[in-house]
Amino acid sequence: MDSLTIALDAMSGDLGPRIVVPAAIQALNCYPNLSVFLVGDPTEIGLFLSKENKKLVSQYQQDRRLILTESTTVITNDMKPSYAIRHSQGSSMRIALELVKDNNVQACVSAGNTGALMGLSKLLLHSLTGIDRPALVATIPALNNQNTVVLDLGANAECDSDMLVQFAIMGQILAKTLLKIEHPRVALLNIGEEEIKGLDKIRAAASVLKSNDQINYIGYLEGNELLTGKTDVLVCDGFVGNVTLKTVEGLVKIFMSLFKSSFDHNSLLMKLLSKWLQRKVSKNFGYLDPGRYNGACLLGLKSIVIKSHGSANQKSFFAAIEQAILAIQTNIPEKIAQSLSSALPKSE
C-alpha cells in the first residue's frame, strides 16, 4: 500500500489545535499508511496531544507517522492577503506549504485565511500551464445520489470570461476523474436560463464553451437548482460561489435545528416520535450535512492544497483530510495537467 503524507496547518481555523489535533489522530487511526506533519506551536499542540491516547500518540511519534514541525507565527483570518503574504515567514501556513514544495509531503490542509492561502500557494507551488488562477472546488451532494462539482467557491472574487472557461474545463476533468462520469454536463450559474441573461463575462464564457466540442456544455443554471442534480459541473466566480455555498449550508443547518426544536416536547410519545423522525431525516437528508463535504481543493495548482472551513469541527476537518487523501490517490494535479493542453481554447 502506497504511503500518504500530509501537512496540517495546526494553527488555522477558529479553534486551531483544539480541532486539528484530534482530527489528525482520527485520520492516523483510519489510514494505516498515513503520516501527518502537524505544523504549529509545539506547546499548544502538545496540550491537545496529551488529551488523546498517550500510548497511541507515543507510538505514532515513534513510528514517524506523527511529526511536529514548529512555527513561530500565525496568519490570522483578519489579515489582508497582501500583508499576510509579505509577513508569512515562519507562519504555520507557509511552513506547511513549503513542506509540499520541498516534496516532504504530498498535500497541505489549512483552515486559514483563504486569500493568503491562495496567494502563498500560487507563489510557492505555481499554477498549471494555461491556468491564470486556481479555483476552490468541492463536490456537493445532490438529489438521487448524484454529486455536482462546483467552482469557484471563494478563491477569486472577480473572474473574467477566460477564467470561467478554465474553471469549466478543470471541473469537467475533475468530474471525469472523481465521479467517473464519461461526459460530464457543464453549466454556468446565472440569474436565468435565457441566453440574453447575465453579465457580459458570463455570456462571453458561454459563447466559448458552446463552441468547444470537447465540453458537454448544457447552458445556464439558476441557484435554486444547485442541489437538483441537473448538472455535473457548475461554474461561477468566487464571490457568487462562496455566497451560494454558505447560503445552502446555512439553510440546511436551520432546517435541521427547526425540525429538532419542533418536537421538543415533554411527553414520552412525542419524544419517541421525535427520535424516529430524526433518524428518518438523518437517513434521507444526512448527505446534505456540510460537515460531510468540508474541504475544497485549490484546483489548478501543480500540487495539492485543501482549504477547510475556518469554523470546522473535528468531523469537518477530518473530512478535509480525507479530501486531501482522495486527491493524492487520484493524482488530481497530474490528471488536470494531462488534459488541459487539448481542452483549452487555442490562442490566436
Protein backbone atom coordinates (compact mmCIF):
# COMPACT_ATOMS: atom_id res chain seq x y z
CA MET A 1 0.00 0.00 0.00
CA ASP A 2 1.46 3.36 -1.06
CA SER A 3 2.28 5.78 1.75
CA LEU A 4 0.39 9.03 2.23
CA THR A 5 1.97 12.17 3.71
CA ILE A 6 0.04 15.32 4.60
CA ALA A 7 0.93 18.60 6.31
CA LEU A 8 -1.75 20.12 8.55
CA ASP A 9 -1.75 23.82 9.39
CA ALA A 10 -2.49 23.15 13.05
CA MET A 11 -2.88 26.82 14.00
CA SER A 12 -5.52 27.56 11.36
CA GLY A 13 -9.27 27.91 11.80
CA ASP A 14 -11.30 29.33 14.64
CA LEU A 15 -10.05 26.79 17.20
CA GLY A 16 -6.66 25.73 15.82
CA PRO A 17 -5.07 22.68 17.54
CA ARG A 18 -8.23 22.00 19.55
CA ILE A 19 -9.81 20.75 16.31
CA VAL A 20 -6.82 19.87 14.11
CA VAL A 21 -5.04 17.58 16.59
CA PRO A 22 -7.95 15.16 17.31
CA ALA A 23 -8.83 15.15 13.59
CA ALA A 24 -5.21 14.21 12.81
CA ILE A 25 -5.27 11.36 15.34
CA GLN A 26 -8.58 10.15 13.90
CA ALA A 27 -7.06 10.14 10.41
CA LEU A 28 -4.00 8.22 11.60
CA ASN A 29 -6.30 5.63 13.20
CA CYS A 30 -8.29 5.24 9.99
CA TYR A 31 -5.42 5.19 7.49
CA PRO A 32 -2.51 2.90 8.47
CA ASN A 33 -0.39 4.18 5.55
CA LEU A 34 -0.81 7.86 6.52
CA SER A 35 1.85 10.12 8.04
CA VAL A 36 0.95 13.60 9.32
CA PHE A 37 3.11 16.68 9.85
CA LEU A 38 1.45 18.91 12.45
CA VAL A 39 2.72 22.44 11.86
CA GLY A 40 2.34 24.99 14.64
CA ASP A 41 3.29 25.99 18.16
CA PRO A 42 4.60 22.79 19.82
CA THR A 43 3.40 23.92 23.26
CA GLU A 44 -0.18 24.47 22.09
CA ILE A 45 -0.23 21.31 20.02
CA GLY A 46 1.17 19.37 22.97
CA LEU A 47 -1.73 20.43 25.18
CA PHE A 48 -4.20 18.66 22.90
CA LEU A 49 -1.96 15.72 22.09
CA SER A 50 -1.84 14.96 25.81
CA LYS A 51 -5.64 14.64 25.82
CA GLU A 52 -5.50 11.85 23.27
CA ASN A 53 -4.49 8.25 24.00
CA LYS A 54 -0.92 8.80 25.25
CA LYS A 55 0.27 5.32 24.32
CA LEU A 56 -1.15 5.65 20.81
CA VAL A 57 0.31 9.12 20.24
CA SER A 58 3.70 7.96 21.52
CA GLN A 59 3.64 5.04 19.08
CA TYR A 60 2.72 7.29 16.16
CA GLN A 61 5.58 9.64 17.01
CA GLN A 62 7.99 6.74 17.43
CA ASP A 63 6.99 5.36 14.02
CA ARG A 64 7.39 8.82 12.46
CA ARG A 65 3.76 8.83 11.45
CA LEU A 66 3.13 11.93 13.56
CA ILE A 67 5.74 14.65 13.20
CA LEU A 68 5.61 18.02 14.96
CA THR A 69 7.01 20.89 12.91
CA GLU A 70 7.48 24.16 14.73
CA SER A 71 6.18 27.51 13.51
CA THR A 72 6.57 30.89 15.19
CA THR A 73 3.70 32.95 13.81
CA VAL A 74 0.10 32.58 12.65
CA ILE A 75 -1.66 34.17 9.68
CA THR A 76 -4.95 35.35 11.13
CA ASN A 77 -8.24 35.49 9.25
CA ASP A 78 -8.48 39.28 9.54
CA MET A 79 -5.12 39.93 7.84
CA LYS A 80 -5.21 41.36 4.35
CA PRO A 81 -3.80 38.72 2.00
CA SER A 82 -1.10 41.05 0.64
CA TYR A 83 0.13 41.85 4.16
CA ALA A 84 -0.11 38.20 5.25
CA ILE A 85 1.98 37.03 2.29
CA ARG A 86 4.68 39.66 2.89
CA HIS A 87 4.91 38.67 6.56
CA SER A 88 4.40 34.92 6.12
CA GLN A 89 7.91 33.75 7.03
CA GLY A 90 7.74 31.37 9.97
CA SER A 91 3.95 31.06 9.84
CA SER A 92 2.27 27.67 10.16
CA MET A 93 0.53 28.12 6.80
CA ARG A 94 3.71 28.94 4.89
CA ILE A 95 5.74 26.15 6.51
CA ALA A 96 3.00 23.62 5.70
CA LEU A 97 3.06 24.76 2.05
CA GLU A 98 6.86 24.68 1.97
CA LEU A 99 6.73 21.04 3.08
CA VAL A 100 4.71 20.39 -0.09
CA LYS A 101 7.09 22.47 -2.21
CA ASP A 102 10.12 20.54 -0.92
CA ASN A 103 8.37 17.20 -1.59
CA ASN A 104 8.36 16.24 2.09
CA VAL A 105 4.59 15.80 1.93
CA GLN A 106 2.06 15.22 -0.83
CA ALA A 107 -0.62 17.67 0.29
CA CYS A 108 -1.43 20.50 2.68
CA VAL A 109 -4.68 21.11 4.58
CA SER A 110 -5.42 24.50 6.15
CA ALA A 111 -8.49 26.20 7.61
CA GLY A 112 -6.76 29.57 7.47
CA ASN A 113 -7.14 32.86 5.63
CA THR A 114 -8.43 31.97 2.14
CA GLY A 115 -6.77 34.89 0.33
CA ALA A 116 -3.41 34.25 1.98
CA LEU A 117 -3.64 30.51 1.28
CA MET A 118 -4.45 31.21 -2.36
CA GLY A 119 -1.63 33.74 -2.76
CA LEU A 120 1.02 31.68 -0.96
CA SER A 121 0.02 28.52 -2.80
CA LYS A 122 0.39 30.21 -6.15
CA LEU A 123 3.68 31.82 -5.09
CA LEU A 124 5.26 28.64 -3.72
CA LEU A 125 3.63 25.85 -5.72
CA HIS A 126 2.72 27.61 -9.00
CA SER A 127 -0.25 27.21 -11.31
CA LEU A 128 -0.50 24.66 -14.09
CA THR A 129 0.32 25.87 -17.59
CA GLY A 130 -2.74 27.53 -19.11
CA ILE A 131 -4.41 28.34 -15.78
CA ASP A 132 -4.45 32.01 -14.77
CA ARG A 133 -5.57 31.46 -11.18
CA PRO A 134 -6.52 28.32 -9.22
CA ALA A 135 -10.12 27.87 -8.12
CA LEU A 136 -11.60 26.43 -4.93
CA VAL A 137 -13.68 23.41 -5.87
CA ALA A 138 -15.82 20.98 -3.90
CA THR A 139 -18.16 18.14 -4.75
CA ILE A 140 -21.63 18.93 -3.43
CA PRO A 141 -24.26 16.21 -2.90
CA ALA A 142 -27.42 16.47 -4.99
CA LEU A 143 -30.69 14.57 -5.33
CA ASN A 144 -30.89 10.92 -6.39
CA ASN A 145 -27.40 10.10 -5.05
CA GLN A 146 -25.80 12.42 -7.57
CA ASN A 147 -22.96 14.89 -6.99
CA THR A 148 -22.11 18.24 -8.51
CA VAL A 149 -18.63 19.71 -8.85
CA VAL A 150 -18.89 23.43 -8.01
CA LEU A 151 -16.20 26.07 -8.61
CA ASP A 152 -15.05 28.72 -7.79
CA LEU A 153 -16.07 28.73 -4.12
CA GLY A 154 -14.17 31.78 -2.97
CA ALA A 155 -10.58 31.90 -4.23
CA ASN A 156 -11.29 34.56 -6.89
CA ALA A 157 -13.94 37.16 -6.11
CA GLU A 158 -13.67 38.59 -9.61
CA CYS A 159 -13.24 36.46 -12.73
CA ASP A 160 -13.15 37.27 -16.43
CA SER A 161 -14.61 35.02 -19.12
CA ASP A 162 -11.28 33.26 -19.75
CA MET A 163 -11.07 32.21 -16.10
CA LEU A 164 -14.64 30.89 -16.15
CA VAL A 165 -13.78 28.79 -19.20
CA GLN A 166 -10.68 27.45 -17.45
CA PHE A 167 -12.77 26.59 -14.38
CA ALA A 168 -15.26 24.73 -16.59
CA ILE A 169 -12.50 22.66 -18.18
CA MET A 170 -10.90 21.80 -14.84
CA GLY A 171 -14.29 20.98 -13.34
CA GLN A 172 -15.07 18.65 -16.23
CA ILE A 173 -11.75 16.82 -15.77
CA LEU A 174 -12.43 16.51 -12.03
CA ALA A 175 -15.91 15.10 -12.65
CA LYS A 176 -14.45 12.52 -15.03
CA THR A 177 -11.71 11.58 -12.56
CA LEU A 178 -13.60 11.54 -9.24
CA LEU A 179 -17.22 10.95 -10.24
CA LYS A 180 -16.37 8.61 -13.14
CA ILE A 181 -18.75 10.45 -15.49
CA GLU A 182 -17.72 9.93 -19.12
CA HIS A 183 -19.35 13.10 -20.49
CA PRO A 184 -19.98 15.47 -17.55
CA ARG A 185 -22.66 18.09 -18.07
CA VAL A 186 -21.22 21.59 -17.58
CA ALA A 187 -23.33 24.66 -16.73
CA LEU A 188 -22.73 28.30 -15.80
CA LEU A 189 -24.51 29.68 -12.72
CA ASN A 190 -26.65 32.60 -13.84
CA ILE A 191 -29.74 34.63 -12.97
CA GLY A 192 -31.81 32.98 -15.69
CA GLU A 193 -31.73 30.23 -18.31
CA GLU A 194 -32.21 32.56 -21.29
CA GLU A 195 -29.09 33.28 -23.36
CA ILE A 196 -29.55 37.05 -23.05
CA LYS A 197 -29.41 36.92 -19.22
CA GLY A 198 -26.38 37.63 -17.05
CA LEU A 199 -23.20 39.68 -17.05
CA ASP A 200 -21.06 40.17 -20.16
CA LYS A 201 -18.32 37.85 -18.82
CA ILE A 202 -20.83 35.02 -18.30
CA ARG A 203 -22.29 35.38 -21.80
CA ALA A 204 -18.76 35.54 -23.27
CA ALA A 205 -17.77 32.36 -21.41
CA ALA A 206 -20.96 30.67 -22.60
CA SER A 207 -20.09 31.50 -26.20
CA VAL A 208 -16.64 29.90 -25.87
CA LEU A 209 -17.95 26.81 -24.08
CA LYS A 210 -20.67 26.27 -26.70
CA SER A 211 -18.06 26.29 -29.47
CA ASN A 212 -15.78 23.78 -27.70
CA ASP A 213 -16.80 20.31 -28.88
CA GLN A 214 -14.78 18.69 -26.06
CA ILE A 215 -17.09 20.15 -23.41
CA ASN A 216 -20.64 18.95 -22.81
CA TYR A 217 -21.97 22.45 -22.12
CA ILE A 218 -25.70 22.49 -21.30
CA GLY A 219 -26.26 26.21 -20.70
CA TYR A 220 -27.19 28.33 -17.68
CA LEU A 221 -28.41 27.05 -14.33
CA GLU A 222 -30.16 29.11 -11.65
CA GLY A 223 -29.24 28.97 -7.98
CA ASN A 224 -32.43 27.18 -6.92
CA GLU A 225 -31.32 24.16 -8.96
CA LEU A 226 -27.93 23.69 -7.26
CA LEU A 227 -28.97 20.52 -5.40
CA THR A 228 -31.22 19.04 -8.10
CA GLY A 229 -28.51 17.13 -9.97
CA LYS A 230 -29.31 18.85 -13.27
CA THR A 231 -25.61 19.34 -13.96
CA ASP A 232 -22.38 17.59 -13.05
CA VAL A 233 -20.22 20.74 -13.08
CA LEU A 234 -21.41 24.20 -12.06
CA VAL A 235 -19.17 27.21 -12.76
CA CYS A 236 -19.25 30.71 -11.28
CA ASP A 237 -16.92 33.37 -9.89
CA GLY A 238 -15.66 33.07 -6.33
CA PHE A 239 -17.91 35.75 -4.86
CA VAL A 240 -21.11 34.18 -6.13
CA GLY A 241 -19.89 30.65 -5.39
CA ASN A 242 -18.95 31.40 -1.80
CA VAL A 243 -22.25 33.16 -1.06
CA THR A 244 -24.22 30.35 -2.73
CA LEU A 245 -22.46 27.57 -0.83
CA LYS A 246 -22.76 29.25 2.56
CA THR A 247 -26.44 30.06 1.92
CA VAL A 248 -27.15 26.40 1.19
CA GLU A 249 -25.19 25.26 4.25
CA GLY A 250 -27.00 27.78 6.44
CA LEU A 251 -30.40 26.68 5.21
CA VAL A 252 -29.57 23.02 5.86
CA LYS A 253 -28.49 23.84 9.43
CA ILE A 254 -31.64 25.90 10.03
CA PHE A 255 -33.82 23.12 8.64
CA MET A 256 -32.22 20.54 10.92
CA SER A 257 -32.42 22.75 14.02
CA LEU A 258 -36.04 23.76 13.38
CA PHE A 259 -37.01 20.14 12.90
CA LYS A 260 -35.37 19.20 16.19
CA SER A 261 -36.94 22.07 18.16
CA SER A 262 -40.40 21.39 16.70
CA PHE A 263 -40.54 18.12 18.60
CA ASP A 264 -39.01 19.32 21.84
CA HIS A 265 -41.87 18.12 23.99
CA ASN A 266 -42.12 16.61 27.45
CA SER A 267 -44.47 13.72 26.61
CA LEU A 268 -42.91 10.29 26.10
CA LEU A 269 -44.91 9.74 22.89
CA MET A 270 -43.62 12.97 21.34
CA LYS A 271 -40.05 12.17 22.38
CA LEU A 272 -40.26 8.75 20.75
CA LEU A 273 -41.83 10.26 17.63
CA SER A 274 -39.12 12.91 17.55
CA LYS A 275 -36.32 10.34 17.74
CA TRP A 276 -37.90 8.22 14.99
CA LEU A 277 -38.36 11.20 12.68
CA GLN A 278 -34.84 12.48 13.36
CA ARG A 279 -33.42 9.11 12.34
CA LYS A 280 -35.61 9.18 9.24
CA VAL A 281 -34.49 12.69 8.29
CA SER A 282 -30.85 11.84 9.01
CA LYS A 283 -31.09 8.79 6.75
CA ASN A 284 -32.73 10.67 3.87
CA PHE A 285 -31.12 14.08 4.16
CA GLY A 286 -27.93 13.42 6.12
CA TYR A 287 -25.91 13.60 2.90
CA LEU A 288 -26.59 17.36 2.91
CA ASP A 289 -24.72 17.80 6.22
CA PRO A 290 -21.99 20.41 5.39
CA GLY A 291 -19.56 18.63 7.71
CA ARG A 292 -19.54 15.62 5.42
CA TYR A 293 -18.25 17.51 2.37
CA ASN A 294 -15.95 20.03 4.04
CA GLY A 295 -12.69 20.58 2.22
CA ALA A 296 -12.30 22.48 -1.04
CA CYS A 297 -9.35 21.72 -3.33
CA LEU A 298 -7.37 24.59 -4.84
CA LEU A 299 -7.69 23.23 -8.35
CA GLY A 300 -5.19 24.40 -10.97
CA LEU A 301 -2.04 24.18 -8.82
CA LYS A 302 0.85 21.83 -9.55
CA SER A 303 0.40 20.39 -6.05
CA ILE A 304 -2.48 19.55 -3.71
CA VAL A 305 -3.83 22.15 -1.27
CA ILE A 306 -7.13 21.68 0.59
CA LYS A 307 -9.00 24.57 2.22
CA SER A 308 -11.18 23.69 5.20
CA HIS A 309 -13.90 25.88 6.66
CA GLY A 310 -12.50 28.15 9.36
CA SER A 311 -15.39 27.10 11.62
CA ALA A 312 -14.84 23.39 11.05
CA ASN A 313 -15.29 20.98 13.96
CA GLN A 314 -13.35 17.74 14.29
CA LYS A 315 -15.67 15.82 11.97
CA SER A 316 -15.46 18.52 9.32
CA PHE A 317 -11.68 18.86 9.50
CA PHE A 318 -11.35 15.08 9.27
CA ALA A 319 -13.47 15.28 6.09
CA ALA A 320 -11.00 17.84 4.70
CA ILE A 321 -8.11 15.46 5.45
CA GLU A 322 -9.98 12.74 3.58
CA GLN A 323 -10.36 15.12 0.62
CA ALA A 324 -6.58 15.51 0.59
CA ILE A 325 -6.12 11.73 0.70
CA LEU A 326 -8.53 11.29 -2.21
CA ALA A 327 -6.72 13.96 -4.24
CA ILE A 328 -3.40 12.19 -3.62
CA GLN A 329 -4.77 8.78 -4.52
CA THR A 330 -6.33 10.04 -7.77
CA ASN A 331 -3.34 12.29 -8.59
CA ILE A 332 -5.58 15.24 -9.44
CA PRO A 333 -2.89 17.80 -10.50
CA GLU A 334 -1.34 15.38 -12.99
CA LYS A 335 -4.74 14.40 -14.41
CA ILE A 336 -5.63 18.08 -14.87
CA ALA A 337 -2.25 18.86 -16.48
CA GLN A 338 -2.52 15.94 -18.92
CA SER A 339 -5.95 17.04 -20.14
CA LEU A 340 -5.52 20.81 -20.23
CA SER A 341 -3.44 21.14 -23.39
CA SER A 342 -6.10 19.57 -25.60
CA ALA A 343 -9.11 21.11 -23.82
CA LEU A 344 -8.08 24.76 -23.52
CA PRO A 345 -9.09 27.13 -26.34
CA LYS A 346 -6.22 27.78 -28.75
CA SER A 347 -4.87 31.32 -28.58
CA GLU A 348 -4.84 33.15 -31.88
